[in-house]
Amino acid sequence: MTYRLLRLVLSLLVYVLLRPQVTGLHNVPRRGPVILASNHLSFIDSIIIPLVVPRHVTFIAKAEYWTGRGLKGRVSRWFFTTMGHVPVDREDPRAGQRSLDDALEVLQRGGAFGIYPEGTRSRDGKLHQGHTGVAWLALAGSAPVVPVALRGTDKVQPVGKRLPRPSRGIQVHFGAPIDPSRQLTAGARPAQVRRELTDHVMSSIHKMSGQELAA
């Protein structure tokens, strides 16, 4: 109930203040495991995507959001816990694999998991090469990957700014699902398969986002 209430309140705020334009939502399966792989321009990306998708989407978030002190820390902890996001300790040398293991559990329960293949927010606005974790997850979880392209969220909350500001230029595009099993070819090395699948996902995001590719 708390999640539904929070989602309702946030949805009203987002649609009144930001009015995001959403296309391709029919590409997101209404049930079953699915990975939403998106470009990453702003902190609010992890809020916008779960609000426009008609099912619960889990994201990985840095553990600091759960460990803050005072009122701000309590609010942050409540918010990210209620949203169902999973904390990851970035100081842990195995943080990357632990994150993928947590994501795999979500998929095995038939859930939707959001991931940013670039690994972090783009600070120059360009689309950077994706890490192959998204492909590992898709293959291990037998889950389709829906590429997502965000536009304009960097105008709402640019990197380094603490508070968002109203903007009516947000666009969220969902591309056709990518079946990871189609990437499998006889004799191909696992690392090669993961690289090719990741590049396929990033190519789809690039076509929708229109971002310049990083060198």
N, C-alpha and C. Protein backbone atom coordinates (compact mmCIF):
# COMPACT_ATOMS: atom_id res chain seq x y z
N MET A 1 0.83 -1.20 0.00
CA MET A 1 0.00 0.00 0.00
C MET A 1 0.87 1.26 0.00
N THR A 2 1.95 1.24 0.81
CA THR A 2 2.83 2.41 0.87
C THR A 2 3.46 2.69 -0.49
N TYR A 3 3.89 1.61 -1.17
CA TYR A 3 4.50 1.78 -2.50
C TYR A 3 3.48 2.36 -3.47
N ARG A 4 2.27 1.84 -3.45
CA ARG A 4 1.24 2.33 -4.38
C ARG A 4 0.92 3.80 -4.12
N LEU A 5 0.87 4.18 -2.85
CA LEU A 5 0.58 5.57 -2.52
C LEU A 5 1.72 6.47 -2.96
N LEU A 6 2.96 6.06 -2.70
CA LEU A 6 4.11 6.85 -3.12
C LEU A 6 4.15 6.97 -4.63
N ARG A 7 3.90 5.89 -5.32
CA ARG A 7 3.89 5.91 -6.78
C ARG A 7 2.81 6.85 -7.32
N LEU A 8 1.64 6.83 -6.70
CA LEU A 8 0.55 7.70 -7.13
C LEU A 8 0.91 9.17 -6.96
N VAL A 9 1.47 9.50 -5.79
CA VAL A 9 1.85 10.89 -5.53
C VAL A 9 2.93 11.37 -6.50
N LEU A 10 3.95 10.54 -6.68
CA LEU A 10 5.04 10.90 -7.58
C LEU A 10 4.57 11.00 -9.02
N SER A 11 3.68 10.10 -9.41
CA SER A 11 3.16 10.12 -10.78
C SER A 11 2.41 11.42 -11.05
N LEU A 12 1.59 11.85 -10.08
CA LEU A 12 0.85 13.10 -10.25
C LEU A 12 1.81 14.28 -10.40
N LEU A 13 2.85 14.30 -9.56
CA LEU A 13 3.82 15.39 -9.62
C LEU A 13 4.56 15.40 -10.96
N VAL A 14 5.00 14.22 -11.38
CA VAL A 14 5.77 14.11 -12.61
C VAL A 14 4.94 14.50 -13.83
N TYR A 15 3.70 14.02 -13.88
CA TYR A 15 2.89 14.30 -15.07
C TYR A 15 2.37 15.74 -15.10
N VAL A 16 2.22 16.36 -13.93
CA VAL A 16 1.79 17.75 -13.89
C VAL A 16 2.95 18.69 -14.19
N LEU A 17 4.11 18.43 -13.58
CA LEU A 17 5.25 19.34 -13.70
C LEU A 17 6.12 19.08 -14.92
N LEU A 18 6.23 17.81 -15.31
CA LEU A 18 7.17 17.46 -16.38
C LEU A 18 6.49 17.01 -17.68
N ARG A 19 5.32 16.42 -17.55
CA ARG A 19 4.57 15.94 -18.72
C ARG A 19 5.43 15.14 -19.69
N PRO A 20 5.99 14.04 -19.24
CA PRO A 20 6.87 13.25 -20.12
C PRO A 20 6.11 12.66 -21.30
N GLN A 21 6.75 12.66 -22.45
CA GLN A 21 6.18 12.02 -23.64
C GLN A 21 6.72 10.60 -23.71
N VAL A 22 5.82 9.64 -23.70
CA VAL A 22 6.22 8.23 -23.65
C VAL A 22 5.79 7.52 -24.92
N THR A 23 6.71 6.81 -25.56
CA THR A 23 6.38 6.04 -26.75
C THR A 23 6.90 4.61 -26.60
N GLY A 24 6.24 3.68 -27.26
CA GLY A 24 6.70 2.29 -27.30
C GLY A 24 6.44 1.51 -26.02
N LEU A 25 5.56 1.99 -25.17
CA LEU A 25 5.32 1.31 -23.90
C LEU A 25 4.78 -0.11 -24.10
N HIS A 26 4.15 -0.33 -25.25
CA HIS A 26 3.63 -1.68 -25.54
C HIS A 26 4.74 -2.71 -25.67
N ASN A 27 5.99 -2.25 -25.80
CA ASN A 27 7.11 -3.18 -25.92
C ASN A 27 7.52 -3.79 -24.58
N VAL A 28 7.02 -3.23 -23.48
CA VAL A 28 7.35 -3.76 -22.16
C VAL A 28 6.35 -4.84 -21.79
N PRO A 29 6.80 -6.09 -21.61
CA PRO A 29 5.88 -7.17 -21.23
C PRO A 29 5.18 -6.85 -19.91
N ARG A 30 3.91 -7.15 -19.82
CA ARG A 30 3.15 -6.86 -18.61
C ARG A 30 3.44 -7.84 -17.49
N ARG A 31 4.04 -8.97 -17.81
CA ARG A 31 4.39 -9.96 -16.79
C ARG A 31 5.61 -10.73 -17.25
N GLY A 32 6.24 -11.40 -16.29
CA GLY A 32 7.43 -12.19 -16.61
C GLY A 32 8.69 -11.36 -16.51
N PRO A 33 9.84 -12.03 -16.46
CA PRO A 33 11.11 -11.33 -16.30
C PRO A 33 11.43 -10.45 -17.51
N VAL A 34 11.95 -9.26 -17.23
CA VAL A 34 12.34 -8.35 -18.31
C VAL A 34 13.40 -7.39 -17.77
N ILE A 35 14.33 -7.03 -18.63
CA ILE A 35 15.37 -6.06 -18.29
C ILE A 35 15.11 -4.78 -19.08
N LEU A 36 15.06 -3.66 -18.38
CA LEU A 36 14.92 -2.36 -19.03
C LEU A 36 16.30 -1.71 -19.02
N ALA A 37 16.93 -1.65 -20.17
CA ALA A 37 18.30 -1.14 -20.29
C ALA A 37 18.26 0.27 -20.88
N SER A 38 18.70 1.24 -20.09
CA SER A 38 18.53 2.64 -20.49
C SER A 38 19.84 3.41 -20.51
N ASN A 39 19.85 4.49 -21.30
CA ASN A 39 20.92 5.48 -21.15
C ASN A 39 20.70 6.19 -19.83
N HIS A 40 21.70 6.94 -19.37
CA HIS A 40 21.62 7.51 -18.02
C HIS A 40 22.13 8.95 -18.04
N LEU A 41 21.20 9.90 -17.87
CA LEU A 41 21.53 11.31 -17.97
C LEU A 41 21.38 12.06 -16.65
N SER A 42 20.56 11.52 -15.73
CA SER A 42 20.24 12.27 -14.53
C SER A 42 19.82 11.34 -13.40
N PHE A 43 19.92 11.84 -12.18
CA PHE A 43 19.47 11.08 -11.01
C PHE A 43 18.01 10.67 -11.14
N ILE A 44 17.19 11.54 -11.74
CA ILE A 44 15.75 11.26 -11.78
C ILE A 44 15.38 10.16 -12.77
N ASP A 45 16.35 9.66 -13.54
CA ASP A 45 16.05 8.59 -14.49
C ASP A 45 15.45 7.38 -13.77
N SER A 46 15.99 7.08 -12.57
CA SER A 46 15.52 5.92 -11.81
C SER A 46 14.17 6.17 -11.16
N ILE A 47 13.67 7.38 -11.26
CA ILE A 47 12.33 7.70 -10.79
C ILE A 47 11.36 7.74 -11.96
N ILE A 48 11.79 8.34 -13.06
CA ILE A 48 10.92 8.48 -14.23
C ILE A 48 10.53 7.12 -14.80
N ILE A 49 11.51 6.25 -15.01
CA ILE A 49 11.22 4.95 -15.65
C ILE A 49 10.20 4.14 -14.85
N PRO A 50 10.38 3.93 -13.52
CA PRO A 50 9.38 3.16 -12.79
C PRO A 50 7.99 3.78 -12.79
N LEU A 51 7.91 5.11 -12.95
CA LEU A 51 6.61 5.76 -12.91
C LEU A 51 5.84 5.63 -14.22
N VAL A 52 6.54 5.50 -15.33
CA VAL A 52 5.84 5.42 -16.62
C VAL A 52 5.58 3.97 -17.04
N VAL A 53 6.26 3.02 -16.39
CA VAL A 53 6.05 1.61 -16.70
C VAL A 53 4.98 1.04 -15.78
N PRO A 54 3.95 0.37 -16.32
CA PRO A 54 2.84 -0.12 -15.51
C PRO A 54 3.14 -1.41 -14.75
N ARG A 55 4.33 -1.51 -14.18
CA ARG A 55 4.68 -2.63 -13.32
C ARG A 55 5.87 -2.18 -12.46
N HIS A 56 6.11 -2.90 -11.39
CA HIS A 56 7.18 -2.51 -10.47
C HIS A 56 8.54 -2.78 -11.12
N VAL A 57 9.38 -1.75 -11.14
CA VAL A 57 10.72 -1.87 -11.71
C VAL A 57 11.74 -1.66 -10.60
N THR A 58 12.65 -2.61 -10.43
CA THR A 58 13.69 -2.53 -9.42
C THR A 58 14.99 -2.01 -10.03
N PHE A 59 15.65 -1.10 -9.31
CA PHE A 59 16.95 -0.59 -9.72
C PHE A 59 17.96 -0.84 -8.61
N ILE A 60 19.22 -0.87 -8.98
CA ILE A 60 20.32 -0.86 -8.01
C ILE A 60 20.62 0.59 -7.67
N ALA A 61 20.86 0.88 -6.40
CA ALA A 61 21.20 2.24 -5.98
C ALA A 61 22.36 2.18 -4.99
N LYS A 62 23.17 3.22 -4.95
CA LYS A 62 24.32 3.21 -4.06
C LYS A 62 23.88 3.15 -2.60
N ALA A 63 24.64 2.41 -1.80
CA ALA A 63 24.29 2.15 -0.40
C ALA A 63 24.20 3.42 0.42
N GLU A 64 24.87 4.50 -0.01
CA GLU A 64 24.84 5.75 0.74
C GLU A 64 23.43 6.29 0.93
N TYR A 65 22.52 5.93 0.03
CA TYR A 65 21.14 6.40 0.17
C TYR A 65 20.45 5.77 1.37
N TRP A 66 21.01 4.70 1.89
CA TRP A 66 20.43 4.02 3.05
C TRP A 66 21.17 4.35 4.36
N THR A 67 22.29 5.00 4.28
CA THR A 67 23.13 5.18 5.47
C THR A 67 23.23 6.61 5.94
N GLY A 68 22.50 7.53 5.34
CA GLY A 68 22.56 8.92 5.75
C GLY A 68 21.98 9.13 7.14
N ARG A 69 22.35 10.25 7.77
CA ARG A 69 21.90 10.55 9.12
C ARG A 69 20.88 11.69 9.12
N GLY A 70 20.22 11.84 10.26
CA GLY A 70 19.26 12.93 10.40
C GLY A 70 18.00 12.71 9.59
N LEU A 71 17.22 13.78 9.48
CA LEU A 71 15.95 13.69 8.76
C LEU A 71 16.15 13.33 7.30
N LYS A 72 17.14 13.96 6.67
CA LYS A 72 17.41 13.68 5.26
C LYS A 72 17.75 12.21 5.05
N GLY A 73 18.55 11.64 5.96
CA GLY A 73 18.92 10.24 5.85
C GLY A 73 17.73 9.33 6.01
N ARG A 74 16.84 9.65 6.97
CA ARG A 74 15.65 8.81 7.19
C ARG A 74 14.71 8.86 5.99
N VAL A 75 14.54 10.08 5.43
CA VAL A 75 13.67 10.23 4.26
C VAL A 75 14.24 9.44 3.08
N SER A 76 15.54 9.57 2.86
CA SER A 76 16.20 8.86 1.76
C SER A 76 16.05 7.36 1.92
N ARG A 77 16.30 6.86 3.12
CA ARG A 77 16.20 5.42 3.39
C ARG A 77 14.78 4.92 3.16
N TRP A 78 13.79 5.70 3.65
CA TRP A 78 12.39 5.31 3.47
C TRP A 78 12.02 5.30 1.99
N PHE A 79 12.46 6.33 1.27
CA PHE A 79 12.09 6.44 -0.14
C PHE A 79 12.63 5.27 -0.96
N PHE A 80 13.93 5.00 -0.85
CA PHE A 80 14.52 3.96 -1.68
C PHE A 80 14.07 2.56 -1.27
N THR A 81 13.79 2.39 0.02
CA THR A 81 13.26 1.10 0.47
C THR A 81 11.85 0.90 -0.05
N THR A 82 11.04 1.94 0.04
CA THR A 82 9.66 1.85 -0.43
C THR A 82 9.59 1.60 -1.93
N MET A 83 10.49 2.22 -2.68
CA MET A 83 10.53 2.02 -4.12
C MET A 83 11.01 0.62 -4.49
N GLY A 84 11.58 -0.09 -3.51
CA GLY A 84 12.02 -1.46 -3.78
C GLY A 84 13.38 -1.56 -4.42
N HIS A 85 14.15 -0.47 -4.39
CA HIS A 85 15.49 -0.50 -4.97
C HIS A 85 16.45 -1.27 -4.07
N VAL A 86 17.53 -1.75 -4.64
CA VAL A 86 18.47 -2.61 -3.93
C VAL A 86 19.79 -1.86 -3.71
N PRO A 87 20.26 -1.79 -2.45
CA PRO A 87 21.52 -1.07 -2.19
C PRO A 87 22.74 -1.86 -2.61
N VAL A 88 23.77 -1.15 -3.07
CA VAL A 88 25.03 -1.78 -3.41
C VAL A 88 26.16 -0.93 -2.85
N ASP A 89 27.08 -1.58 -2.18
CA ASP A 89 28.24 -0.90 -1.59
C ASP A 89 29.32 -0.77 -2.66
N ARG A 90 29.55 0.44 -3.14
CA ARG A 90 30.50 0.64 -4.23
C ARG A 90 31.95 0.43 -3.79
N GLU A 91 32.19 0.38 -2.46
CA GLU A 91 33.53 0.13 -1.97
C GLU A 91 33.86 -1.36 -1.96
N ASP A 92 32.85 -2.19 -2.11
CA ASP A 92 33.04 -3.64 -2.12
C ASP A 92 33.64 -4.04 -3.47
N PRO A 93 34.81 -4.70 -3.48
CA PRO A 93 35.43 -5.10 -4.75
C PRO A 93 34.55 -6.03 -5.57
N ARG A 94 33.62 -6.70 -4.92
CA ARG A 94 32.71 -7.61 -5.64
C ARG A 94 31.34 -6.97 -5.86
N ALA A 95 31.27 -5.64 -5.73
CA ALA A 95 29.98 -4.96 -5.83
C ALA A 95 29.29 -5.23 -7.16
N GLY A 96 30.08 -5.24 -8.26
CA GLY A 96 29.49 -5.45 -9.58
C GLY A 96 28.78 -6.79 -9.68
N GLN A 97 29.46 -7.86 -9.25
CA GLN A 97 28.85 -9.18 -9.33
C GLN A 97 27.70 -9.33 -8.34
N ARG A 98 27.84 -8.74 -7.17
CA ARG A 98 26.75 -8.80 -6.19
C ARG A 98 25.49 -8.13 -6.75
N SER A 99 25.69 -7.02 -7.46
CA SER A 99 24.56 -6.32 -8.07
C SER A 99 23.87 -7.20 -9.10
N LEU A 100 24.66 -7.88 -9.91
CA LEU A 100 24.09 -8.77 -10.92
C LEU A 100 23.38 -9.95 -10.27
N ASP A 101 23.92 -10.46 -9.18
CA ASP A 101 23.27 -11.56 -8.47
C ASP A 101 21.92 -11.12 -7.90
N ASP A 102 21.88 -9.90 -7.34
CA ASP A 102 20.61 -9.37 -6.83
C ASP A 102 19.62 -9.17 -7.96
N ALA A 103 20.11 -8.67 -9.08
CA ALA A 103 19.24 -8.47 -10.24
C ALA A 103 18.69 -9.79 -10.76
N LEU A 104 19.55 -10.81 -10.76
CA LEU A 104 19.12 -12.13 -11.23
C LEU A 104 18.00 -12.68 -10.36
N GLU A 105 18.07 -12.43 -9.06
CA GLU A 105 17.00 -12.88 -8.16
C GLU A 105 15.68 -12.22 -8.52
N VAL A 106 15.73 -10.93 -8.87
CA VAL A 106 14.51 -10.23 -9.28
C VAL A 106 13.91 -10.87 -10.53
N LEU A 107 14.76 -11.18 -11.50
CA LEU A 107 14.28 -11.80 -12.74
C LEU A 107 13.74 -13.19 -12.48
N GLN A 108 14.37 -13.93 -11.62
CA GLN A 108 13.93 -15.29 -11.32
C GLN A 108 12.57 -15.31 -10.63
N ARG A 109 12.22 -14.19 -10.00
CA ARG A 109 10.89 -14.06 -9.39
C ARG A 109 9.88 -13.53 -10.40
N GLY A 110 10.34 -13.35 -11.65
CA GLY A 110 9.43 -12.85 -12.69
C GLY A 110 9.28 -11.35 -12.70
N GLY A 111 10.27 -10.64 -12.10
CA GLY A 111 10.17 -9.20 -11.99
C GLY A 111 10.84 -8.44 -13.13
N ALA A 112 10.72 -7.12 -13.05
CA ALA A 112 11.34 -6.22 -14.03
C ALA A 112 12.52 -5.53 -13.36
N PHE A 113 13.64 -5.50 -14.06
CA PHE A 113 14.84 -4.90 -13.49
C PHE A 113 15.38 -3.82 -14.42
N GLY A 114 15.68 -2.65 -13.86
CA GLY A 114 16.23 -1.57 -14.64
C GLY A 114 17.73 -1.48 -14.49
N ILE A 115 18.43 -1.24 -15.58
CA ILE A 115 19.89 -1.21 -15.55
C ILE A 115 20.41 -0.15 -16.52
N TYR A 116 21.54 0.44 -16.17
CA TYR A 116 22.21 1.40 -17.04
C TYR A 116 23.51 0.76 -17.52
N PRO A 117 23.52 0.24 -18.74
CA PRO A 117 24.72 -0.47 -19.23
C PRO A 117 25.99 0.38 -19.22
N GLU A 118 25.85 1.71 -19.31
CA GLU A 118 27.04 2.57 -19.28
C GLU A 118 27.72 2.54 -17.91
N GLY A 119 26.97 2.16 -16.88
CA GLY A 119 27.53 2.02 -15.55
C GLY A 119 27.34 3.23 -14.66
N THR A 120 27.23 4.40 -15.24
CA THR A 120 27.06 5.62 -14.47
C THR A 120 26.46 6.70 -15.36
N ARG A 121 26.11 7.82 -14.75
CA ARG A 121 25.53 8.91 -15.54
C ARG A 121 26.55 9.48 -16.53
N SER A 122 26.07 9.83 -17.69
CA SER A 122 26.93 10.47 -18.69
C SER A 122 27.14 11.92 -18.29
N ARG A 123 28.40 12.31 -18.10
CA ARG A 123 28.70 13.68 -17.67
C ARG A 123 28.93 14.62 -18.86
N ASP A 124 29.04 14.06 -20.04
CA ASP A 124 29.23 14.90 -21.23
C ASP A 124 28.06 14.82 -22.19
N GLY A 125 27.01 14.09 -21.79
CA GLY A 125 25.83 13.99 -22.64
C GLY A 125 25.95 12.97 -23.76
N LYS A 126 27.13 12.39 -23.92
CA LYS A 126 27.34 11.40 -24.98
C LYS A 126 26.96 10.01 -24.49
N LEU A 127 26.72 9.11 -25.44
CA LEU A 127 26.41 7.73 -25.10
C LEU A 127 27.70 6.93 -25.11
N HIS A 128 28.03 6.35 -23.97
CA HIS A 128 29.28 5.63 -23.83
C HIS A 128 29.07 4.13 -24.04
N GLN A 129 30.15 3.41 -24.25
CA GLN A 129 30.07 1.98 -24.49
C GLN A 129 29.45 1.27 -23.28
N GLY A 130 28.62 0.29 -23.55
CA GLY A 130 27.97 -0.44 -22.47
C GLY A 130 28.85 -1.53 -21.90
N HIS A 131 28.70 -1.76 -20.61
CA HIS A 131 29.37 -2.88 -19.96
C HIS A 131 28.56 -4.15 -20.22
N THR A 132 29.25 -5.28 -20.26
CA THR A 132 28.59 -6.53 -20.67
C THR A 132 27.75 -7.18 -19.57
N GLY A 133 27.64 -6.53 -18.41
CA GLY A 133 26.81 -7.08 -17.34
C GLY A 133 25.36 -7.25 -17.77
N VAL A 134 24.86 -6.33 -18.60
CA VAL A 134 23.48 -6.42 -19.06
C VAL A 134 23.27 -7.70 -19.87
N ALA A 135 24.27 -8.08 -20.66
CA ALA A 135 24.17 -9.31 -21.46
C ALA A 135 24.27 -10.54 -20.57
N TRP A 136 25.18 -10.51 -19.60
CA TRP A 136 25.30 -11.64 -18.66
C TRP A 136 23.97 -11.87 -17.97
N LEU A 137 23.35 -10.78 -17.53
CA LEU A 137 22.08 -10.88 -16.81
C LEU A 137 20.96 -11.42 -17.70
N ALA A 138 20.91 -10.94 -18.94
CA ALA A 138 19.87 -11.39 -19.87
C ALA A 138 20.01 -12.87 -20.17
N LEU A 139 21.25 -13.32 -20.37
CA LEU A 139 21.48 -14.73 -20.69
C LEU A 139 21.25 -15.61 -19.48
N ALA A 140 21.73 -15.19 -18.31
CA ALA A 140 21.56 -15.99 -17.10
C ALA A 140 20.11 -16.05 -16.65
N GLY A 141 19.38 -14.96 -16.86
CA GLY A 141 17.99 -14.91 -16.42
C GLY A 141 16.99 -15.23 -17.50
N SER A 142 17.49 -15.57 -18.71
CA SER A 142 16.59 -15.87 -19.85
C SER A 142 15.52 -14.79 -19.98
N ALA A 143 15.97 -13.54 -19.92
CA ALA A 143 15.04 -12.42 -19.94
C ALA A 143 15.26 -11.53 -21.15
N PRO A 144 14.18 -11.10 -21.80
CA PRO A 144 14.34 -10.15 -22.91
C PRO A 144 14.84 -8.81 -22.40
N VAL A 145 15.54 -8.10 -23.26
CA VAL A 145 16.03 -6.76 -22.92
C VAL A 145 15.25 -5.73 -23.72
N VAL A 146 14.60 -4.83 -23.03
CA VAL A 146 13.90 -3.73 -23.69
C VAL A 146 14.78 -2.49 -23.61
N PRO A 147 15.32 -2.02 -24.73
CA PRO A 147 16.15 -0.80 -24.71
C PRO A 147 15.28 0.43 -24.43
N VAL A 148 15.80 1.32 -23.62
CA VAL A 148 15.08 2.54 -23.23
C VAL A 148 15.95 3.75 -23.52
N ALA A 149 15.38 4.76 -24.13
CA ALA A 149 16.12 5.99 -24.41
C ALA A 149 15.43 7.16 -23.74
N LEU A 150 16.16 7.83 -22.88
CA LEU A 150 15.65 9.01 -22.20
C LEU A 150 16.21 10.27 -22.87
N ARG A 151 15.38 11.27 -22.98
CA ARG A 151 15.81 12.57 -23.49
C ARG A 151 15.30 13.65 -22.56
N GLY A 152 16.13 14.64 -22.27
CA GLY A 152 15.69 15.80 -21.52
C GLY A 152 15.77 15.70 -20.01
N THR A 153 16.05 14.53 -19.45
CA THR A 153 16.11 14.44 -17.98
C THR A 153 17.32 15.20 -17.44
N ASP A 154 18.34 15.37 -18.26
CA ASP A 154 19.51 16.15 -17.83
C ASP A 154 19.18 17.63 -17.69
N LYS A 155 18.09 18.07 -18.32
CA LYS A 155 17.67 19.46 -18.17
C LYS A 155 16.89 19.65 -16.87
N VAL A 156 16.24 18.60 -16.42
CA VAL A 156 15.47 18.66 -15.17
C VAL A 156 16.40 18.67 -13.97
N GLN A 157 17.38 17.78 -13.99
CA GLN A 157 18.35 17.73 -12.91
C GLN A 157 19.73 17.42 -13.47
N PRO A 158 20.47 18.47 -13.87
CA PRO A 158 21.81 18.25 -14.41
C PRO A 158 22.73 17.61 -13.38
N VAL A 159 23.77 16.96 -13.86
CA VAL A 159 24.75 16.36 -12.97
C VAL A 159 25.32 17.43 -12.05
N GLY A 160 25.35 17.15 -10.75
CA GLY A 160 25.89 18.09 -9.78
C GLY A 160 24.85 18.96 -9.11
N LYS A 161 23.63 19.00 -9.64
CA LYS A 161 22.56 19.79 -9.04
C LYS A 161 21.75 18.91 -8.08
N ARG A 162 21.47 19.44 -6.90
CA ARG A 162 20.77 18.65 -5.88
C ARG A 162 19.26 18.60 -6.10
N LEU A 163 18.69 19.69 -6.59
CA LEU A 163 17.25 19.76 -6.72
C LEU A 163 16.82 19.82 -8.18
N PRO A 164 15.73 19.10 -8.52
CA PRO A 164 15.22 19.15 -9.90
C PRO A 164 14.49 20.46 -10.15
N ARG A 165 14.29 20.77 -11.43
CA ARG A 165 13.55 21.95 -11.81
C ARG A 165 12.57 21.56 -12.92
N PRO A 166 11.41 22.20 -12.97
CA PRO A 166 10.40 21.85 -13.97
C PRO A 166 10.93 21.99 -15.40
N SER A 167 10.57 21.04 -16.23
CA SER A 167 10.95 21.08 -17.64
C SER A 167 9.96 20.21 -18.40
N ARG A 168 9.54 20.68 -19.56
CA ARG A 168 8.52 19.96 -20.33
C ARG A 168 9.12 19.20 -21.52
N GLY A 169 10.43 18.99 -21.50
CA GLY A 169 11.04 18.36 -22.67
C GLY A 169 11.43 16.91 -22.50
N ILE A 170 10.91 16.24 -21.47
CA ILE A 170 11.30 14.85 -21.21
C ILE A 170 10.62 13.90 -22.20
N GLN A 171 11.41 12.99 -22.74
CA GLN A 171 10.88 11.93 -23.61
C GLN A 171 11.42 10.59 -23.13
N VAL A 172 10.55 9.59 -23.16
CA VAL A 172 10.94 8.23 -22.78
C VAL A 172 10.51 7.29 -23.91
N HIS A 173 11.48 6.66 -24.55
CA HIS A 173 11.19 5.78 -25.67
C HIS A 173 11.58 4.34 -25.32
N PHE A 174 10.65 3.42 -25.54
CA PHE A 174 10.90 2.00 -25.30
C PHE A 174 10.99 1.29 -26.65
N GLY A 175 12.11 0.62 -26.87
CA GLY A 175 12.32 -0.07 -28.14
C GLY A 175 11.82 -1.50 -28.13
N ALA A 176 11.92 -2.16 -29.26
CA ALA A 176 11.48 -3.54 -29.39
C ALA A 176 12.35 -4.45 -28.51
N PRO A 177 11.74 -5.43 -27.84
CA PRO A 177 12.50 -6.34 -26.97
C PRO A 177 13.55 -7.11 -27.76
N ILE A 178 14.69 -7.32 -27.14
CA ILE A 178 15.78 -8.08 -27.73
C ILE A 178 15.86 -9.43 -27.03
N ASP A 179 15.72 -10.50 -27.81
CA ASP A 179 15.76 -11.86 -27.27
C ASP A 179 17.22 -12.30 -27.17
N PRO A 180 17.73 -12.52 -25.95
CA PRO A 180 19.15 -12.88 -25.82
C PRO A 180 19.51 -14.21 -26.46
N SER A 181 18.54 -15.12 -26.54
CA SER A 181 18.84 -16.44 -27.10
C SER A 181 19.20 -16.36 -28.58
N ARG A 182 18.75 -15.33 -29.26
CA ARG A 182 19.05 -15.18 -30.69
C ARG A 182 20.50 -14.78 -30.93
N GLN A 183 21.17 -14.36 -29.84
CA GLN A 183 22.56 -13.96 -29.96
C GLN A 183 23.50 -15.15 -29.89
N LEU A 184 22.96 -16.29 -29.44
CA LEU A 184 23.77 -17.48 -29.28
C LEU A 184 24.05 -18.14 -30.62
N THR A 185 25.30 -18.38 -30.89
CA THR A 185 25.70 -19.09 -32.10
C THR A 185 26.68 -20.19 -31.73
N ALA A 186 26.62 -21.27 -32.47
CA ALA A 186 27.47 -22.43 -32.17
C ALA A 186 28.95 -22.04 -32.26
N GLY A 187 29.69 -22.40 -31.23
CA GLY A 187 31.13 -22.18 -31.24
C GLY A 187 31.57 -20.81 -30.79
N ALA A 188 30.63 -19.90 -30.57
CA ALA A 188 30.99 -18.54 -30.16
C ALA A 188 31.45 -18.54 -28.70
N ARG A 189 32.47 -17.78 -28.41
CA ARG A 189 32.97 -17.66 -27.04
C ARG A 189 31.98 -16.84 -26.21
N PRO A 190 31.76 -17.23 -24.93
CA PRO A 190 30.81 -16.49 -24.08
C PRO A 190 31.09 -14.99 -24.03
N ALA A 191 32.37 -14.62 -23.92
CA ALA A 191 32.71 -13.20 -23.86
C ALA A 191 32.30 -12.49 -25.15
N GLN A 192 32.46 -13.16 -26.27
CA GLN A 192 32.09 -12.57 -27.56
C GLN A 192 30.58 -12.39 -27.65
N VAL A 193 29.84 -13.40 -27.18
CA VAL A 193 28.38 -13.33 -27.19
C VAL A 193 27.89 -12.17 -26.34
N ARG A 194 28.48 -12.02 -25.15
CA ARG A 194 28.06 -10.93 -24.26
C ARG A 194 28.36 -9.57 -24.86
N ARG A 195 29.53 -9.46 -25.52
CA ARG A 195 29.90 -8.19 -26.14
C ARG A 195 28.94 -7.84 -27.28
N GLU A 196 28.63 -8.81 -28.10
CA GLU A 196 27.76 -8.57 -29.25
C GLU A 196 26.34 -8.21 -28.80
N LEU A 197 25.87 -8.91 -27.77
CA LEU A 197 24.52 -8.62 -27.27
C LEU A 197 24.47 -7.22 -26.66
N THR A 198 25.49 -6.87 -25.89
CA THR A 198 25.55 -5.54 -25.29
C THR A 198 25.59 -4.46 -26.36
N ASP A 199 26.39 -4.67 -27.39
CA ASP A 199 26.49 -3.69 -28.49
C ASP A 199 25.15 -3.55 -29.22
N HIS A 200 24.43 -4.65 -29.34
CA HIS A 200 23.10 -4.61 -29.96
C HIS A 200 22.16 -3.73 -29.13
N VAL A 201 22.20 -3.92 -27.82
CA VAL A 201 21.35 -3.12 -26.93
C VAL A 201 21.72 -1.64 -27.02
N MET A 202 23.02 -1.34 -26.99
CA MET A 202 23.45 0.05 -27.04
C MET A 202 23.14 0.70 -28.38
N SER A 203 23.20 -0.08 -29.45
CA SER A 203 22.86 0.44 -30.77
C SER A 203 21.38 0.84 -30.83
N SER A 204 20.54 0.04 -30.20
CA SER A 204 19.11 0.35 -30.16
C SER A 204 18.85 1.62 -29.36
N ILE A 205 19.55 1.75 -28.22
CA ILE A 205 19.40 2.96 -27.41
C ILE A 205 19.86 4.18 -28.20
N HIS A 206 20.97 4.04 -28.91
CA HIS A 206 21.52 5.15 -29.68
C HIS A 206 20.55 5.63 -30.76
N LYS A 207 19.92 4.70 -31.44
CA LYS A 207 18.98 5.07 -32.50
C LYS A 207 17.82 5.87 -31.97
N MET A 208 17.38 5.56 -30.74
CA MET A 208 16.24 6.26 -30.16
C MET A 208 16.64 7.56 -29.47
N SER A 209 17.81 7.58 -28.85
CA SER A 209 18.22 8.76 -28.07
C SER A 209 18.80 9.87 -28.93
N GLY A 210 19.43 9.47 -30.05
CA GLY A 210 20.07 10.46 -30.89
C GLY A 210 21.33 11.05 -30.30
N GLN A 211 21.83 10.47 -29.22
CA GLN A 211 23.04 10.99 -28.58
C GLN A 211 24.28 10.78 -29.44
N GLU A 212 25.22 11.68 -29.29
CA GLU A 212 26.52 11.49 -29.93
C GLU A 212 27.25 10.37 -29.20
N LEU A 213 27.93 9.52 -29.96
CA LEU A 213 28.66 8.42 -29.36
C LEU A 213 30.01 8.90 -28.85
N ALA A 214 30.35 8.48 -27.64
CA ALA A 214 31.65 8.82 -27.08
C ALA A 214 32.75 8.08 -27.84
N ALA A 215 33.90 8.68 -27.97
CA ALA A 215 35.00 8.06 -28.70
C ALA A 215 35.52 6.85 -27.94
